[in-house]
């Protein structure tokens, strides 16, 4: 039987998935945009930032899901 505290911890982890995904993807796009403006390479750094942000978002979701299984 799960305690109320552990249920709350798992619920908090589950809700953090959205924050992790959006922060990584939006952060990658913003960094890519700034690099494009600085290096004048539009749109390649935005695309790279989007791809890297998505990869790191999946890594973050995997880490959260592995904590939920414990």
PDB file of N, CA and C in Angstrom:
ATOM      1  N   UNK A   1       0.835  -1.171   0.000  1.00  0.00           N
ATOM      2  CA  UNK A   1       0.000   0.000   0.000  1.00  0.00           C
ATOM      3  C   UNK A   1       0.891   1.249   0.000  1.00  0.00           C
ATOM      4  N   UNK A   2       0.542   2.210  -0.858  1.00  0.00           N
ATOM      5  CA  UNK A   2       1.319   3.434  -0.974  1.00  0.00           C
ATOM      6  C   UNK A   2       0.870   4.438   0.073  1.00  0.00           C
ATOM      7  N   UNK A   3       1.835   5.172   0.579  1.00  0.00           N
ATOM      8  CA  UNK A   3       1.497   6.229   1.524  1.00  0.00           C
ATOM      9  C   UNK A   3       1.038   7.468   0.763  1.00  0.00           C
ATOM     10  N   UNK A   4       0.356   8.337   1.449  1.00  0.00           N
ATOM     11  CA  UNK A   4      -0.145   9.559   0.815  1.00  0.00           C
ATOM     12  C   UNK A   4       1.012  10.427   0.329  1.00  0.00           C
ATOM     13  N   UNK A   5       2.113  10.437   1.085  1.00  0.00           N
ATOM     14  CA  UNK A   5       3.285  11.238   0.705  1.00  0.00           C
ATOM     15  C   UNK A   5       3.900  10.737  -0.598  1.00  0.00           C
ATOM     16  N   UNK A   6       4.023   9.423  -0.756  1.00  0.00           N
ATOM     17  CA  UNK A   6       4.621   8.895  -1.982  1.00  0.00           C
ATOM     18  C   UNK A   6       3.696   9.097  -3.175  1.00  0.00           C
ATOM     19  N   UNK A   7       2.386   9.054  -2.949  1.00  0.00           N
ATOM     20  CA  UNK A   7       1.451   9.338  -4.037  1.00  0.00           C
ATOM     21  C   UNK A   7       1.571  10.785  -4.484  1.00  0.00           C
ATOM     22  N   UNK A   8       1.739  11.708  -3.535  1.00  0.00           N
ATOM     23  CA  UNK A   8       1.905  13.117  -3.877  1.00  0.00           C
ATOM     24  C   UNK A   8       3.213  13.351  -4.619  1.00  0.00           C
ATOM     25  N   UNK A   9       4.269  12.659  -4.221  1.00  0.00           N
ATOM     26  CA  UNK A   9       5.549  12.797  -4.914  1.00  0.00           C
ATOM     27  C   UNK A   9       5.440  12.318  -6.352  1.00  0.00           C
ATOM     28  N   UNK A  10       4.761  11.208  -6.560  1.00  0.00           N
ATOM     29  CA  UNK A  10       4.611  10.688  -7.918  1.00  0.00           C
ATOM     30  C   UNK A  10       3.721  11.594  -8.761  1.00  0.00           C
ATOM     31  N   UNK A  11       2.702  12.173  -8.160  1.00  0.00           N
ATOM     32  CA  UNK A  11       1.841  13.095  -8.886  1.00  0.00           C
ATOM     33  C   UNK A  11       2.620  14.346  -9.288  1.00  0.00           C
ATOM     34  N   UNK A  12       3.458  14.837  -8.401  1.00  0.00           N
ATOM     35  CA  UNK A  12       4.285  16.008  -8.712  1.00  0.00           C
ATOM     36  C   UNK A  12       5.260  15.698  -9.839  1.00  0.00           C
ATOM     37  N   UNK A  13       5.848  14.514  -9.825  1.00  0.00           N
ATOM     38  CA  UNK A  13       6.748  14.122 -10.911  1.00  0.00           C
ATOM     39  C   UNK A  13       6.002  14.025 -12.233  1.00  0.00           C
ATOM     40  N   UNK A  14       4.801  13.480 -12.198  1.00  0.00           N
ATOM     41  CA  UNK A  14       4.021  13.340 -13.427  1.00  0.00           C
ATOM     42  C   UNK A  14       3.665  14.704 -14.010  1.00  0.00           C
ATOM     43  N   UNK A  15       3.326  15.663 -13.159  1.00  0.00           N
ATOM     44  CA  UNK A  15       3.002  16.995 -13.653  1.00  0.00           C
ATOM     45  C   UNK A  15       4.236  17.747 -14.147  1.00  0.00           C
ATOM     46  N   UNK A  16       5.408  17.370 -13.697  1.00  0.00           N
ATOM     47  CA  UNK A  16       6.618  18.059 -14.134  1.00  0.00           C
ATOM     48  C   UNK A  16       7.031  17.663 -15.552  1.00  0.00           C
ATOM     49  N   UNK A  17       6.420  16.629 -16.099  1.00  0.00           N
ATOM     50  CA  UNK A  17       6.754  16.208 -17.467  1.00  0.00           C
ATOM     51  C   UNK A  17       6.500  17.343 -18.456  1.00  0.00           C
ATOM     52  N   UNK A  18       5.366  18.001 -18.348  1.00  0.00           N
ATOM     53  CA  UNK A  18       5.051  19.100 -19.259  1.00  0.00           C
ATOM     54  C   UNK A  18       6.048  20.241 -19.165  1.00  0.00           C
ATOM     55  N   UNK A  19       6.463  20.552 -17.957  1.00  0.00           N
ATOM     56  CA  UNK A  19       7.436  21.625 -17.767  1.00  0.00           C
ATOM     57  C   UNK A  19       8.786  21.253 -18.358  1.00  0.00           C
ATOM     58  N   UNK A  20       9.197  20.009 -18.178  1.00  0.00           N
ATOM     59  CA  UNK A  20      10.487  19.555 -18.709  1.00  0.00           C
ATOM     60  C   UNK A  20      10.479  19.598 -20.234  1.00  0.00           C
ATOM     61  N   UNK A  21       9.422  19.096 -20.834  1.00  0.00           N
ATOM     62  CA  UNK A  21       9.340  19.063 -22.300  1.00  0.00           C
ATOM     63  C   UNK A  21       9.324  20.474 -22.865  1.00  0.00           C
ATOM     64  N   UNK A  22       8.449  21.325 -22.348  1.00  0.00           N
ATOM     65  CA  UNK A  22       8.347  22.673 -22.908  1.00  0.00           C
ATOM     66  C   UNK A  22       9.617  23.494 -22.665  1.00  0.00           C
ATOM     67  N   UNK A  23      10.222  23.365 -21.496  1.00  0.00           N
ATOM     68  CA  UNK A  23      11.431  24.141 -21.202  1.00  0.00           C
ATOM     69  C   UNK A  23      12.587  23.741 -22.112  1.00  0.00           C
ATOM     70  N   UNK A  24      12.747  22.436 -22.337  1.00  0.00           N
ATOM     71  CA  UNK A  24      13.847  21.993 -23.193  1.00  0.00           C
ATOM     72  C   UNK A  24      13.646  22.421 -24.641  1.00  0.00           C
ATOM     73  N   UNK A  25      12.454  22.243 -25.164  1.00  0.00           N
ATOM     74  CA  UNK A  25      12.211  22.580 -26.569  1.00  0.00           C
ATOM     75  C   UNK A  25      12.261  24.089 -26.784  1.00  0.00           C
ATOM     76  N   UNK A  26      11.585  24.851 -25.925  1.00  0.00           N
ATOM     77  CA  UNK A  26      11.591  26.312 -26.084  1.00  0.00           C
ATOM     78  C   UNK A  26      12.988  26.869 -25.838  1.00  0.00           C
ATOM     79  N   UNK A  27      13.694  26.313 -24.857  1.00  0.00           N
ATOM     80  CA  UNK A  27      15.068  26.752 -24.607  1.00  0.00           C
ATOM     81  C   UNK A  27      15.982  26.504 -25.798  1.00  0.00           C
ATOM     82  N   UNK A  28      15.833  25.336 -26.427  1.00  0.00           N
ATOM     83  CA  UNK A  28      16.637  25.032 -27.615  1.00  0.00           C
ATOM     84  C   UNK A  28      16.338  25.976 -28.761  1.00  0.00           C
ATOM     85  N   UNK A  29      15.072  26.321 -28.937  1.00  0.00           N
ATOM     86  CA  UNK A  29      14.695  27.247 -30.011  1.00  0.00           C
ATOM     87  C   UNK A  29      15.247  28.640 -29.737  1.00  0.00           C
ATOM     88  N   UNK A  30      15.154  29.086 -28.493  1.00  0.00           N
ATOM     89  CA  UNK A  30      15.648  30.432 -28.157  1.00  0.00           C
ATOM     90  C   UNK A  30      17.157  30.524 -28.327  1.00  0.00           C
ATOM     91  N   UNK A  31      17.874  29.514 -27.844  1.00  0.00           N
ATOM     92  CA  UNK A  31      19.334  29.519 -28.007  1.00  0.00           C
ATOM     93  C   UNK A  31      19.695  29.459 -29.499  1.00  0.00           C
ATOM     94  N   UNK A  32      18.980  28.639 -30.250  1.00  0.00           N
ATOM     95  CA  UNK A  32      19.225  28.561 -31.689  1.00  0.00           C
ATOM     96  C   UNK A  32      18.957  29.880 -32.392  1.00  0.00           C
ATOM     97  N   UNK A  33      17.894  30.560 -32.003  1.00  0.00           N
ATOM     98  CA  UNK A  33      17.571  31.858 -32.594  1.00  0.00           C
ATOM     99  C   UNK A  33      18.671  32.875 -32.307  1.00  0.00           C
ATOM    100  N   UNK A  34      19.119  32.895 -31.052  1.00  0.00           N
ATOM    101  CA  UNK A  34      20.180  33.847 -30.695  1.00  0.00           C
ATOM    102  C   UNK A  34      21.484  33.543 -31.427  1.00  0.00           C
ATOM    103  N   UNK A  35      21.798  32.253 -31.561  1.00  0.00           N
ATOM    104  CA  UNK A  35      23.003  31.887 -32.314  1.00  0.00           C
ATOM    105  C   UNK A  35      22.858  32.237 -33.789  1.00  0.00           C
ATOM    106  N   UNK A  36      21.661  32.062 -34.355  1.00  0.00           N
ATOM    107  CA  UNK A  36      21.427  32.439 -35.751  1.00  0.00           C
ATOM    108  C   UNK A  36      21.631  33.935 -35.960  1.00  0.00           C
ATOM    109  N   UNK A  37      21.154  34.733 -35.030  1.00  0.00           N
ATOM    110  CA  UNK A  37      21.330  36.180 -35.159  1.00  0.00           C
ATOM    111  C   UNK A  37      22.800  36.560 -35.040  1.00  0.00           C
ATOM    112  N   UNK A  38      23.513  35.894 -34.132  1.00  0.00           N
ATOM    113  CA  UNK A  38      24.921  36.217 -33.901  1.00  0.00           C
ATOM    114  C   UNK A  38      25.804  35.733 -35.047  1.00  0.00           C
ATOM    115  N   UNK A  39      25.548  34.505 -35.522  1.00  0.00           N
ATOM    116  CA  UNK A  39      26.391  33.912 -36.558  1.00  0.00           C
ATOM    117  C   UNK A  39      25.862  34.115 -37.971  1.00  0.00           C
ATOM    118  N   UNK A  40      24.649  34.664 -38.086  1.00  0.00           N
ATOM    119  CA  UNK A  40      24.002  34.899 -39.379  1.00  0.00           C
ATOM    120  C   UNK A  40      23.885  33.596 -40.183  1.00  0.00           C
ATOM    121  N   UNK A  41      23.345  32.566 -39.541  1.00  0.00           N
ATOM    122  CA  UNK A  41      23.225  31.251 -40.176  1.00  0.00           C
ATOM    123  C   UNK A  41      21.781  30.773 -40.272  1.00  0.00           C
ATOM    124  N   UNK A  42      20.826  31.697 -40.236  1.00  0.00           N
ATOM    125  CA  UNK A  42      19.402  31.325 -40.201  1.00  0.00           C
ATOM    126  C   UNK A  42      19.064  30.350 -41.317  1.00  0.00           C
ATOM    127  N   UNK A  43      18.261  29.371 -41.086  1.00  0.00           N
ATOM    128  CA  UNK A  43      17.574  28.923 -39.879  1.00  0.00           C
ATOM    129  C   UNK A  43      18.246  27.717 -39.227  1.00  0.00           C
ATOM    130  N   UNK A  44      19.517  27.487 -39.520  1.00  0.00           N
ATOM    131  CA  UNK A  44      20.140  26.217 -39.138  1.00  0.00           C
ATOM    132  C   UNK A  44      20.323  26.027 -37.637  1.00  0.00           C
ATOM    133  N   UNK A  45      20.624  27.074 -36.925  1.00  0.00           N
ATOM    134  CA  UNK A  45      20.791  26.927 -35.478  1.00  0.00           C
ATOM    135  C   UNK A  45      19.445  26.743 -34.777  1.00  0.00           C
ATOM    136  N   UNK A  46      18.380  27.346 -35.320  1.00  0.00           N
ATOM    137  CA  UNK A  46      17.047  27.120 -34.752  1.00  0.00           C
ATOM    138  C   UNK A  46      16.665  25.658 -34.933  1.00  0.00           C
ATOM    139  N   UNK A  47      16.909  25.124 -36.109  1.00  0.00           N
ATOM    140  CA  UNK A  47      16.592  23.712 -36.371  1.00  0.00           C
ATOM    141  C   UNK A  47      17.420  22.811 -35.458  1.00  0.00           C
ATOM    142  N   UNK A  48      18.705  23.120 -35.322  1.00  0.00           N
ATOM    143  CA  UNK A  48      19.573  22.341 -34.436  1.00  0.00           C
ATOM    144  C   UNK A  48      19.114  22.449 -32.987  1.00  0.00           C
ATOM    145  N   UNK A  49      18.742  23.641 -32.552  1.00  0.00           N
ATOM    146  CA  UNK A  49      18.243  23.833 -31.193  1.00  0.00           C
ATOM    147  C   UNK A  49      16.952  23.076 -30.956  1.00  0.00           C
ATOM    148  N   UNK A  50      16.077  23.051 -31.955  1.00  0.00           N
ATOM    149  CA  UNK A  50      14.830  22.301 -31.836  1.00  0.00           C
ATOM    150  C   UNK A  50      15.089  20.811 -31.701  1.00  0.00           C
ATOM    151  N   UNK A  51      15.995  20.304 -32.514  1.00  0.00           N
ATOM    152  CA  UNK A  51      16.327  18.871 -32.465  1.00  0.00           C
ATOM    153  C   UNK A  51      16.981  18.512 -31.132  1.00  0.00           C
ATOM    154  N   UNK A  52      17.965  19.298 -30.716  1.00  0.00           N
ATOM    155  CA  UNK A  52      18.631  19.019 -29.442  1.00  0.00           C
ATOM    156  C   UNK A  52      17.682  19.188 -28.258  1.00  0.00           C
ATOM    157  N   UNK A  53      16.824  20.209 -28.312  1.00  0.00           N
ATOM    158  CA  UNK A  53      15.841  20.398 -27.251  1.00  0.00           C
ATOM    159  C   UNK A  53      14.876  19.229 -27.154  1.00  0.00           C
ATOM    160  N   UNK A  54      14.477  18.685 -28.286  1.00  0.00           N
ATOM    161  CA  UNK A  54      13.587  17.524 -28.295  1.00  0.00           C
ATOM    162  C   UNK A  54      14.288  16.297 -27.739  1.00  0.00           C
ATOM    163  N   UNK A  55      15.534  16.109 -28.107  1.00  0.00           N
ATOM    164  CA  UNK A  55      16.295  14.965 -27.582  1.00  0.00           C
ATOM    165  C   UNK A  55      16.423  15.067 -26.069  1.00  0.00           C
ATOM    166  N   UNK A  56      16.791  16.251 -25.574  1.00  0.00           N
ATOM    167  CA  UNK A  56      16.926  16.418 -24.128  1.00  0.00           C
ATOM    168  C   UNK A  56      15.583  16.329 -23.414  1.00  0.00           C
ATOM    169  N   UNK A  57      14.507  16.708 -24.096  1.00  0.00           N
ATOM    170  CA  UNK A  57      13.172  16.557 -23.500  1.00  0.00           C
ATOM    171  C   UNK A  57      12.840  15.078 -23.309  1.00  0.00           C
ATOM    172  N   UNK A  58      13.151  14.253 -24.306  1.00  0.00           N
ATOM    173  CA  UNK A  58      12.909  12.819 -24.170  1.00  0.00           C
ATOM    174  C   UNK A  58      13.768  12.215 -23.060  1.00  0.00           C
ATOM    175  N   UNK A  59      14.999  12.681 -22.941  1.00  0.00           N
ATOM    176  CA  UNK A  59      15.865  12.194 -21.859  1.00  0.00           C
ATOM    177  C   UNK A  59      15.273  12.581 -20.504  1.00  0.00           C
ATOM    178  N   UNK A  60      14.790  13.808 -20.395  1.00  0.00           N
ATOM    179  CA  UNK A  60      14.182  14.252 -19.147  1.00  0.00           C
ATOM    180  C   UNK A  60      12.924  13.468 -18.805  1.00  0.00           C
ATOM    181  N   UNK A  61      12.091  13.187 -19.816  1.00  0.00           N
ATOM    182  CA  UNK A  61      10.878  12.400 -19.581  1.00  0.00           C
ATOM    183  C   UNK A  61      11.244  10.977 -19.173  1.00  0.00           C
ATOM    184  N   UNK A  62      12.263  10.425 -19.781  1.00  0.00           N
ATOM    185  CA  UNK A  62      12.711   9.080 -19.409  1.00  0.00           C
ATOM    186  C   UNK A  62      13.163   9.047 -17.951  1.00  0.00           C
ATOM    187  N   UNK A  63      13.900  10.056 -17.524  1.00  0.00           N
ATOM    188  CA  UNK A  63      14.359  10.107 -16.128  1.00  0.00           C
ATOM    189  C   UNK A  63      13.178  10.222 -15.165  1.00  0.00           C
ATOM    190  N   UNK A  64      12.203  11.043 -15.533  1.00  0.00           N
ATOM    191  CA  UNK A  64      11.026  11.197 -14.669  1.00  0.00           C
ATOM    192  C   UNK A  64      10.254   9.889 -14.605  1.00  0.00           C
ATOM    193  N   UNK A  65      10.072   9.225 -15.738  1.00  0.00           N
ATOM    194  CA  UNK A  65       9.320   7.970 -15.749  1.00  0.00           C
ATOM    195  C   UNK A  65      10.045   6.877 -14.969  1.00  0.00           C
ATOM    196  N   UNK A  66      11.359   6.891 -15.017  1.00  0.00           N
ATOM    197  CA  UNK A  66      12.091   5.887 -14.236  1.00  0.00           C
ATOM    198  C   UNK A  66      11.944   6.142 -12.730  1.00  0.00           C
ATOM    199  N   UNK A  67      11.825   7.400 -12.333  1.00  0.00           N
ATOM    200  CA  UNK A  67      11.582   7.716 -10.931  1.00  0.00           C
ATOM    201  C   UNK A  67      10.169   7.330 -10.519  1.00  0.00           C
ATOM    202  N   UNK A  68       9.213   7.443 -11.436  1.00  0.00           N
ATOM    203  CA  UNK A  68       7.838   7.077 -11.123  1.00  0.00           C
ATOM    204  C   UNK A  68       7.677   5.573 -10.907  1.00  0.00           C
ATOM    205  N   UNK A  69       8.514   4.792 -11.569  1.00  0.00           N
ATOM    206  CA  UNK A  69       8.413   3.339 -11.437  1.00  0.00           C
ATOM    207  C   UNK A  69       8.941   2.829 -10.100  1.00  0.00           C
ATOM    208  N   UNK A  70       9.754   3.638  -9.436  1.00  0.00           N
ATOM    209  CA  UNK A  70      10.340   3.211  -8.151  1.00  0.00           C
ATOM    210  C   UNK A  70       9.302   3.128  -7.059  1.00  0.00           C
TER     211      UNK A  70
END
